[in-house]
Amino acid sequence: MRILLVPANDWLNFPVSSRLHSIFERLADRHEIHVIRYPSPLWNNPRKSKAIVHEANGLAIRDLSLYYVLNAQSHLSLIEHVLKSYKIDLIVFANILTGTEAVLLGKIHGVPIVCDYLDHFPESASSYYANQFLKSIVYSVVLGITRWNLNRAQGVVTVSKSFENWLTVNAGVRNLSLIPNGVDLEVFKPMDRDIAQAQVGLGRLRQKFVITYTGTVEGWYDFGVVAKATHTLNQRGVPSVFQIVGGSLVTKNSTCFAGFEEDILQTGFVNQKQVSLYLNASDVCVLPLRKLAKNLTRPLKLLEYFACGKIVLSLPNSELEHEYGDALTIFHSADELVEIFLKIIAEPSKFSAKIANGYRHAQKNSWESHAKRYETFLETILKTNGDKSV
């Protein structure tokens, strides 16, 4: 297959290896994968790629919404060039605006289209706006664009049962495959806590209770509840630290951390192998997802937590509780979280069954197995819509 991929963000420089990157870098061993890349001044951590990368020209702007709008013509021209020059068999997109251009050109050139609905696009786009009026406008506009794209796609892949329900009931999608996020089992695996701490230079934390979150600090997570619980532990004489692995250093200017700065350790960006070490250097991992439609998904970090054999604590989330309820410990408040932490410290063996269940979930969701499922779905789309290649 010759596939054109229109990803959600910069293919080479985005700090976190994305879902599509994890899948299509594997498919590139067997297929000709072309990827549109959007250079951005926001990130500068380039990674290698097995795909054929086509770099978009245009203005490099920090505001991503403006970036896609102002560079729309440039992106449109590049996508058309790739479609014509490389005889693309199929388009996969996970981008709102550039994806719309790909859908339009795919229809014109008779190329089948698949949407990777990895996120609830309307809510994700509007979440960056504090003004409620602007937020509602952005939500409505993106919802309209999303429906237009979905109605013209020959297939949709999504990551959770909740998204699957929304896509079938609210968006009328019929040809859909549920392929959740996965984990690289070669990178994320259990190891001794003290050895991991020594390897990342955190030996000073050996006597502390280490609570870890991995990823960027975004508004759709409730970090305040974890920071407050960590602070309470320290006040009670239980040496503890809330470790945030990855993302930019924001504890100095984020209101959710106000008053708790001394209880928090931020690493800034680290590579994937280091993330695994930081997880193994921890006692527990947290997933403080707020109650939002876009959070009814299965985050990459959760399976990474599971694969490293960690106790995982989460705010209530119907999707995660349905799929991984036997491996999660749910909390509703900072006070309840403190009590759970104290139970873990006092009797860690009582959580061994949850650790084992989480590890089992991780083993069933490797990126290798998901890449094969994705490949099979795409081959079905091509056969149904007239395969031009083998």
Protein backbone atom coordinates (compact mmCIF):
# COMPACT_ATOMS: atom_id res chain seq x y z
CA MET A 1 0.00 0.00 0.00
CA ARG A 2 1.02 3.59 -0.67
CA ILE A 3 -0.46 5.63 2.17
CA LEU A 4 -0.49 9.37 2.74
CA LEU A 5 -0.68 10.20 6.43
CA VAL A 6 -1.90 13.62 7.59
CA PRO A 7 -1.03 13.58 11.31
CA ALA A 8 -2.26 15.78 14.13
CA ASN A 9 1.11 17.42 14.73
CA ASP A 10 4.77 17.61 13.73
CA TRP A 11 5.85 14.08 12.78
CA LEU A 12 9.52 14.52 13.69
CA ASN A 13 9.61 17.13 16.45
CA PHE A 14 6.48 16.71 18.58
CA PRO A 15 7.83 15.81 22.06
CA VAL A 16 5.75 12.66 22.57
CA SER A 17 5.80 9.80 20.08
CA SER A 18 2.15 9.80 19.01
CA ARG A 19 -0.27 6.97 18.42
CA LEU A 20 0.01 7.25 14.63
CA HIS A 21 3.80 7.48 14.86
CA SER A 22 3.89 4.25 16.88
CA ILE A 23 1.66 2.46 14.36
CA PHE A 24 2.82 3.80 11.01
CA GLU A 25 6.56 3.62 11.72
CA ARG A 26 5.93 -0.12 12.05
CA LEU A 27 3.79 -0.25 8.90
CA ALA A 28 6.59 1.54 7.03
CA ASP A 29 8.55 -1.73 7.20
CA ARG A 30 5.99 -3.27 4.83
CA HIS A 31 4.35 -0.34 3.02
CA GLU A 32 5.23 2.97 1.41
CA ILE A 33 4.21 5.57 3.99
CA HIS A 34 4.19 9.28 3.08
CA VAL A 35 3.75 11.81 5.88
CA ILE A 36 2.96 15.54 5.83
CA ARG A 37 5.16 17.32 8.35
CA TYR A 38 4.34 20.72 9.84
CA PRO A 39 7.51 22.46 11.09
CA SER A 40 6.80 24.30 14.33
CA PRO A 41 8.84 26.64 16.55
CA LEU A 42 7.17 25.02 19.58
CA TRP A 43 9.32 21.88 19.61
CA ASN A 44 12.85 20.92 18.68
CA ASN A 45 13.40 17.28 19.60
CA PRO A 46 13.74 15.59 16.20
CA ARG A 47 13.32 11.83 15.89
CA LYS A 48 14.08 9.50 13.01
CA SER A 49 11.38 8.21 10.68
CA LYS A 50 11.06 5.28 8.32
CA ALA A 51 8.36 7.17 6.41
CA ILE A 52 8.87 9.45 3.42
CA VAL A 53 8.45 12.87 5.02
CA HIS A 54 7.11 15.82 3.00
CA GLU A 55 7.80 19.08 4.79
CA ALA A 56 5.18 21.80 4.50
CA ASN A 57 6.38 25.30 3.71
CA GLY A 58 4.80 28.45 5.09
CA LEU A 59 4.88 30.58 8.19
CA ALA A 60 6.11 28.99 11.42
CA ILE A 61 3.68 30.36 14.04
CA ARG A 62 3.45 29.37 17.71
CA ASP A 63 -0.37 29.60 17.72
CA LEU A 64 -1.35 26.29 16.10
CA SER A 65 -4.84 27.46 15.09
CA LEU A 66 -3.38 30.41 13.19
CA TYR A 67 -0.62 28.21 11.80
CA TYR A 68 -3.07 25.84 10.08
CA VAL A 69 -5.34 28.66 8.85
CA LEU A 70 -2.59 30.90 7.44
CA ASN A 71 -0.74 28.00 5.82
CA ALA A 72 -3.85 26.30 4.40
CA GLN A 73 -2.97 27.04 0.77
CA SER A 74 0.57 25.73 1.22
CA HIS A 75 -0.69 22.53 2.83
CA LEU A 76 -3.31 22.06 0.11
CA SER A 77 -0.70 22.34 -2.63
CA LEU A 78 1.65 19.91 -0.90
CA ILE A 79 -1.05 17.28 -0.38
CA GLU A 80 -2.10 17.51 -4.04
CA HIS A 81 1.53 17.19 -5.14
CA VAL A 82 2.00 14.02 -3.08
CA LEU A 83 -1.26 12.48 -4.31
CA LYS A 84 -0.34 13.07 -7.95
CA SER A 85 3.39 12.32 -7.79
CA TYR A 86 3.33 9.11 -5.76
CA LYS A 87 0.05 7.51 -6.87
CA ILE A 88 -1.25 7.30 -3.32
CA ASP A 89 -3.71 4.45 -2.66
CA LEU A 90 -5.21 5.71 0.57
CA ILE A 91 -5.24 8.75 2.89
CA VAL A 92 -5.30 8.53 6.70
CA PHE A 93 -5.85 11.80 8.57
CA ALA A 94 -6.02 12.88 12.21
CA ASN A 95 -5.92 16.66 11.77
CA ILE A 96 -8.90 18.99 11.75
CA LEU A 97 -8.00 21.62 9.12
CA THR A 98 -5.29 19.90 7.10
CA GLY A 99 -7.38 16.75 7.29
CA THR A 100 -10.27 18.61 5.67
CA GLU A 101 -8.00 19.58 2.79
CA ALA A 102 -6.93 15.97 2.44
CA VAL A 103 -10.56 14.83 2.42
CA LEU A 104 -11.42 17.37 -0.30
CA LEU A 105 -8.49 16.35 -2.49
CA GLY A 106 -9.08 12.67 -1.84
CA LYS A 107 -12.62 13.00 -3.17
CA ILE A 108 -11.40 14.90 -6.23
CA HIS A 109 -8.71 12.33 -7.06
CA GLY A 110 -10.70 9.25 -6.09
CA VAL A 111 -8.46 8.21 -3.20
CA PRO A 112 -10.16 6.40 -0.27
CA ILE A 113 -10.04 8.25 3.05
CA VAL A 114 -9.76 7.00 6.63
CA CYS A 115 -10.10 9.20 9.70
CA ASP A 116 -8.17 8.32 12.85
CA TYR A 117 -10.46 9.77 15.53
CA LEU A 118 -7.87 9.76 18.30
CA ASP A 119 -9.42 12.67 20.17
CA HIS A 120 -12.80 14.39 20.51
CA PHE A 121 -11.85 17.12 18.03
CA PRO A 122 -14.52 19.79 18.85
CA GLU A 123 -13.77 19.76 22.57
CA SER A 124 -10.02 19.55 22.06
CA ALA A 125 -9.96 22.57 19.76
CA SER A 126 -12.18 24.67 22.03
CA SER A 127 -10.34 23.75 25.24
CA TYR A 128 -7.58 26.28 24.47
CA TYR A 129 -10.01 29.23 24.79
CA ALA A 130 -10.94 30.67 28.18
CA ASN A 131 -13.61 33.02 26.81
CA GLN A 132 -16.89 31.06 26.81
CA PHE A 133 -18.24 32.83 23.72
CA LEU A 134 -15.12 32.02 21.68
CA LYS A 135 -15.08 28.52 23.10
CA SER A 136 -18.66 27.86 21.93
CA ILE A 137 -17.96 29.27 18.47
CA VAL A 138 -14.83 27.16 18.03
CA TYR A 139 -16.67 24.07 19.28
CA SER A 140 -19.54 24.59 16.81
CA VAL A 141 -17.26 25.29 13.85
CA VAL A 142 -15.01 22.31 14.53
CA LEU A 143 -18.04 20.07 15.11
CA GLY A 144 -19.36 21.05 11.68
CA ILE A 145 -15.99 20.42 10.03
CA THR A 146 -15.64 17.09 11.82
CA ARG A 147 -19.06 15.87 10.70
CA TRP A 148 -18.28 16.93 7.12
CA ASN A 149 -15.03 14.98 7.16
CA LEU A 150 -16.53 11.89 8.78
CA ASN A 151 -19.40 11.76 6.30
CA ARG A 152 -16.92 11.62 3.42
CA ALA A 153 -14.52 9.09 4.88
CA GLN A 154 -14.67 5.47 3.73
CA GLY A 155 -13.61 4.32 7.19
CA VAL A 156 -12.94 5.55 10.71
CA VAL A 157 -10.57 4.20 13.35
CA THR A 158 -11.06 5.28 16.95
CA VAL A 159 -9.47 4.60 20.33
CA SER A 160 -12.29 3.99 22.81
CA LYS A 161 -15.78 2.54 23.20
CA SER A 162 -17.08 5.97 24.22
CA PHE A 163 -15.79 7.55 21.01
CA GLU A 164 -17.16 4.60 19.04
CA ASN A 165 -20.63 5.26 20.49
CA TRP A 166 -20.44 8.98 19.69
CA LEU A 167 -19.27 8.32 16.14
CA THR A 168 -22.00 5.80 15.37
CA VAL A 169 -24.92 7.49 17.18
CA ASN A 170 -24.13 11.20 16.75
CA ALA A 171 -22.03 11.28 13.59
CA GLY A 172 -23.64 8.40 11.69
CA VAL A 173 -20.37 6.53 11.06
CA ARG A 174 -20.93 3.00 9.82
CA ASN A 175 -17.55 1.56 8.80
CA LEU A 176 -15.62 1.84 12.06
CA SER A 177 -12.81 -0.07 13.73
CA LEU A 178 -11.97 0.26 17.43
CA ILE A 179 -8.18 0.09 17.78
CA PRO A 180 -7.14 1.50 21.16
CA ASN A 181 -3.82 3.04 22.08
CA GLY A 182 -0.95 0.67 22.78
CA VAL A 183 2.43 0.42 24.45
CA ASP A 184 5.98 -0.40 23.37
CA LEU A 185 6.71 -3.48 25.45
CA GLU A 186 10.38 -3.39 24.49
CA VAL A 187 10.76 -0.03 26.25
CA PHE A 188 8.21 -0.15 29.07
CA LYS A 189 8.85 -3.06 31.42
CA PRO A 190 9.24 -3.47 35.19
CA MET A 191 12.57 -3.02 36.95
CA ASP A 192 13.79 -2.54 40.52
CA ARG A 193 12.79 0.86 41.96
CA ASP A 194 16.17 1.61 43.56
CA ILE A 195 18.10 0.70 40.42
CA ALA A 196 15.82 2.91 38.30
CA GLN A 197 16.25 5.82 40.72
CA ALA A 198 20.02 5.45 40.59
CA GLN A 199 20.04 5.42 36.77
CA VAL A 200 18.13 8.71 36.54
CA GLY A 201 20.02 10.31 39.41
CA LEU A 202 17.14 10.29 41.89
CA GLY A 203 18.81 8.40 44.69
CA ARG A 204 17.87 11.26 47.01
CA LEU A 205 14.22 10.21 46.63
CA ARG A 206 14.85 6.72 48.00
CA GLN A 207 13.30 7.62 51.34
CA LYS A 208 10.36 9.43 49.75
CA PHE A 209 6.99 8.25 48.47
CA VAL A 210 7.14 9.06 44.74
CA ILE A 211 3.90 9.88 42.89
CA THR A 212 4.35 10.21 39.11
CA TYR A 213 2.49 11.66 36.16
CA THR A 214 3.98 11.58 32.65
CA GLY A 215 3.18 14.00 29.86
CA THR A 216 2.43 17.66 29.38
CA VAL A 217 0.57 19.84 31.89
CA GLU A 218 -2.79 20.55 30.25
CA GLY A 219 -6.07 22.01 31.48
CA TRP A 220 -8.00 18.78 31.00
CA TYR A 221 -6.09 17.24 33.93
CA ASP A 222 -6.71 18.13 37.58
CA PHE A 223 -3.15 18.43 38.85
CA GLY A 224 -4.22 20.48 41.83
CA VAL A 225 -5.86 17.52 43.55
CA VAL A 226 -2.63 15.47 43.32
CA ALA A 227 -0.43 18.38 44.40
CA LYS A 228 -2.66 19.04 47.41
CA ALA A 229 -2.62 15.37 48.43
CA THR A 230 1.17 15.26 48.16
CA HIS A 231 1.44 18.40 50.28
CA THR A 232 -0.83 16.86 52.92
CA LEU A 233 1.37 13.75 53.09
CA ASN A 234 4.41 15.92 53.71
CA GLN A 235 2.58 17.87 56.40
CA ARG A 236 1.71 14.57 58.11
CA GLY A 237 5.37 13.60 58.20
CA VAL A 238 5.34 11.23 55.22
CA PRO A 239 8.15 12.45 52.89
CA SER A 240 6.58 12.56 49.44
CA VAL A 241 7.06 14.13 46.02
CA PHE A 242 4.74 14.64 43.03
CA GLN A 243 6.95 13.99 40.02
CA ILE A 244 5.84 15.35 36.62
CA VAL A 245 7.85 13.73 33.84
CA GLY A 246 7.91 15.60 30.54
CA GLY A 247 6.42 18.81 29.23
CA SER A 248 7.58 22.34 29.86
CA LEU A 249 8.48 23.55 33.34
CA VAL A 250 5.33 25.30 34.55
CA THR A 251 5.17 24.89 38.30
CA LYS A 252 6.40 28.45 38.83
CA ASN A 253 3.53 30.13 37.00
CA SER A 254 0.58 27.71 37.08
CA THR A 255 -2.16 28.48 39.60
CA CYS A 256 -2.96 24.79 40.17
CA PHE A 257 0.46 24.40 41.81
CA ALA A 258 0.29 27.57 43.92
CA GLY A 259 1.48 26.83 47.44
CA PHE A 260 2.67 23.35 46.52
CA GLU A 261 5.84 24.17 44.59
CA GLU A 262 8.10 22.53 47.18
CA ASP A 263 6.18 19.26 46.88
CA ILE A 264 6.67 18.98 43.11
CA LEU A 265 9.57 17.81 40.95
CA GLN A 266 9.45 18.47 37.20
CA THR A 267 11.91 16.88 34.82
CA GLY A 268 11.09 18.75 31.61
CA PHE A 269 11.27 16.75 28.38
CA VAL A 270 12.88 13.31 28.55
CA ASN A 271 13.08 10.61 25.88
CA GLN A 272 10.94 7.48 25.89
CA LYS A 273 13.53 5.20 27.49
CA GLN A 274 14.03 7.70 30.29
CA VAL A 275 10.26 7.88 30.83
CA SER A 276 10.31 4.15 31.52
CA LEU A 277 13.09 4.67 34.08
CA TYR A 278 11.20 7.47 35.82
CA LEU A 279 8.09 5.28 36.00
CA ASN A 280 10.06 2.45 37.53
CA ALA A 281 11.60 4.90 40.00
CA SER A 282 8.08 5.63 41.29
CA ASP A 283 5.82 4.12 43.92
CA VAL A 284 2.51 4.97 42.22
CA CYS A 285 1.28 6.66 39.03
CA VAL A 286 -1.68 9.01 38.67
CA LEU A 287 -4.15 9.83 35.92
CA PRO A 288 -6.17 12.86 37.13
CA LEU A 289 -8.46 13.25 34.11
CA ARG A 290 -11.25 15.80 34.47
CA LYS A 291 -14.84 14.95 33.52
CA LEU A 292 -14.77 15.95 29.85
CA ALA A 293 -15.98 14.15 26.73
CA LYS A 294 -12.50 14.29 25.22
CA ASN A 295 -11.14 12.38 28.22
CA LEU A 296 -13.29 9.32 27.53
CA THR A 297 -10.33 7.72 25.84
CA ARG A 298 -7.47 5.37 26.72
CA PRO A 299 -4.36 7.51 27.23
CA LEU A 300 -0.98 6.24 26.06
CA LYS A 301 0.49 6.86 29.50
CA LEU A 302 -1.96 4.49 31.22
CA LEU A 303 -0.68 1.39 29.44
CA GLU A 304 2.89 2.56 30.02
CA TYR A 305 2.11 2.75 33.75
CA PHE A 306 0.64 -0.75 33.61
CA ALA A 307 3.57 -2.17 31.63
CA CYS A 308 6.01 -0.97 34.30
CA GLY A 309 4.00 -2.78 36.97
CA LYS A 310 2.78 0.32 38.80
CA ILE A 311 -0.22 0.96 41.04
CA VAL A 312 -2.40 3.40 39.06
CA LEU A 313 -4.80 5.90 40.66
CA SER A 314 -7.37 7.74 38.57
CA LEU A 315 -10.19 10.21 38.94
CA PRO A 316 -13.54 8.66 37.88
CA ASN A 317 -13.68 7.92 34.14
CA SER A 318 -16.38 5.64 32.74
CA GLU A 319 -14.30 4.50 29.75
CA LEU A 320 -11.28 3.53 31.81
CA GLU A 321 -13.32 1.94 34.59
CA HIS A 322 -15.20 -0.19 32.05
CA GLU A 323 -12.06 -1.41 30.31
CA TYR A 324 -9.49 -1.46 33.11
CA GLY A 325 -11.53 -1.32 36.31
CA ASP A 326 -9.81 -4.37 37.78
CA ALA A 327 -6.44 -2.56 37.55
CA LEU A 328 -7.38 0.96 38.66
CA THR A 329 -7.85 2.55 42.06
CA ILE A 330 -10.38 5.40 41.82
CA PHE A 331 -10.26 8.54 43.96
CA HIS A 332 -12.67 11.48 44.08
CA SER A 333 -10.85 14.11 46.12
CA ALA A 334 -7.47 15.09 47.55
CA ASP A 335 -8.49 13.82 51.00
CA GLU A 336 -9.49 10.43 49.62
CA LEU A 337 -6.27 10.29 47.62
CA VAL A 338 -4.24 10.87 50.80
CA GLU A 339 -5.97 7.95 52.53
CA ILE A 340 -5.29 5.67 49.55
CA PHE A 341 -1.62 6.69 49.54
CA LEU A 342 -1.37 5.83 53.24
CA LYS A 343 -2.92 2.39 52.61
CA ILE A 344 -0.42 1.74 49.83
CA ILE A 345 2.48 2.71 52.10
CA ALA A 346 1.18 0.58 54.98
CA GLU A 347 0.11 -2.52 53.03
CA PRO A 348 1.41 -2.47 49.43
CA SER A 349 0.71 -6.20 49.01
CA LYS A 350 -3.04 -5.47 49.01
CA PHE A 351 -2.59 -3.82 45.61
CA SER A 352 -0.65 -6.68 44.02
CA ALA A 353 -3.72 -8.03 42.19
CA LYS A 354 -4.36 -4.65 40.57
CA ILE A 355 -0.71 -4.46 39.48
CA ALA A 356 -0.95 -7.93 37.93
CA ASN A 357 -4.19 -7.06 36.13
CA GLY A 358 -2.68 -3.84 34.76
CA TYR A 359 0.39 -5.69 33.52
CA ARG A 360 -1.89 -8.20 31.76
CA HIS A 361 -3.79 -5.36 30.03
CA ALA A 362 -0.49 -3.90 28.81
CA GLN A 363 0.67 -7.23 27.38
CA LYS A 364 -2.55 -7.47 25.35
CA ASN A 365 -2.12 -4.00 23.84
CA SER A 366 1.30 -3.87 22.21
CA TRP A 367 1.84 -1.46 19.34
CA GLU A 368 2.87 -4.41 17.19
CA SER A 369 -0.52 -6.09 17.57
CA HIS A 370 -2.39 -2.82 16.98
CA ALA A 371 -0.34 -2.06 13.86
CA LYS A 372 -1.41 -5.41 12.39
CA ARG A 373 -5.06 -4.68 13.18
CA TYR A 374 -4.75 -1.24 11.58
CA GLU A 375 -3.12 -2.77 8.51
CA THR A 376 -5.95 -5.30 8.11
CA PHE A 377 -8.59 -2.54 8.34
CA LEU A 378 -6.83 -0.42 5.71
CA GLU A 379 -6.50 -3.40 3.37
CA THR A 380 -10.26 -3.97 3.75
CA ILE A 381 -10.94 -0.32 2.83
CA LEU A 382 -8.81 -0.65 -0.30
CA LYS A 383 -10.46 -3.88 -1.42
CA THR A 384 -13.90 -2.39 -0.91
CA ASN A 385 -13.04 0.78 -2.83
CA GLY A 386 -11.02 -0.73 -5.67
CA ASP A 387 -7.45 -1.64 -4.75
CA LYS A 388 -4.87 -0.06 -7.09
CA SER A 389 -1.91 -1.87 -5.54
CA VAL A 390 -0.96 -4.90 -3.53
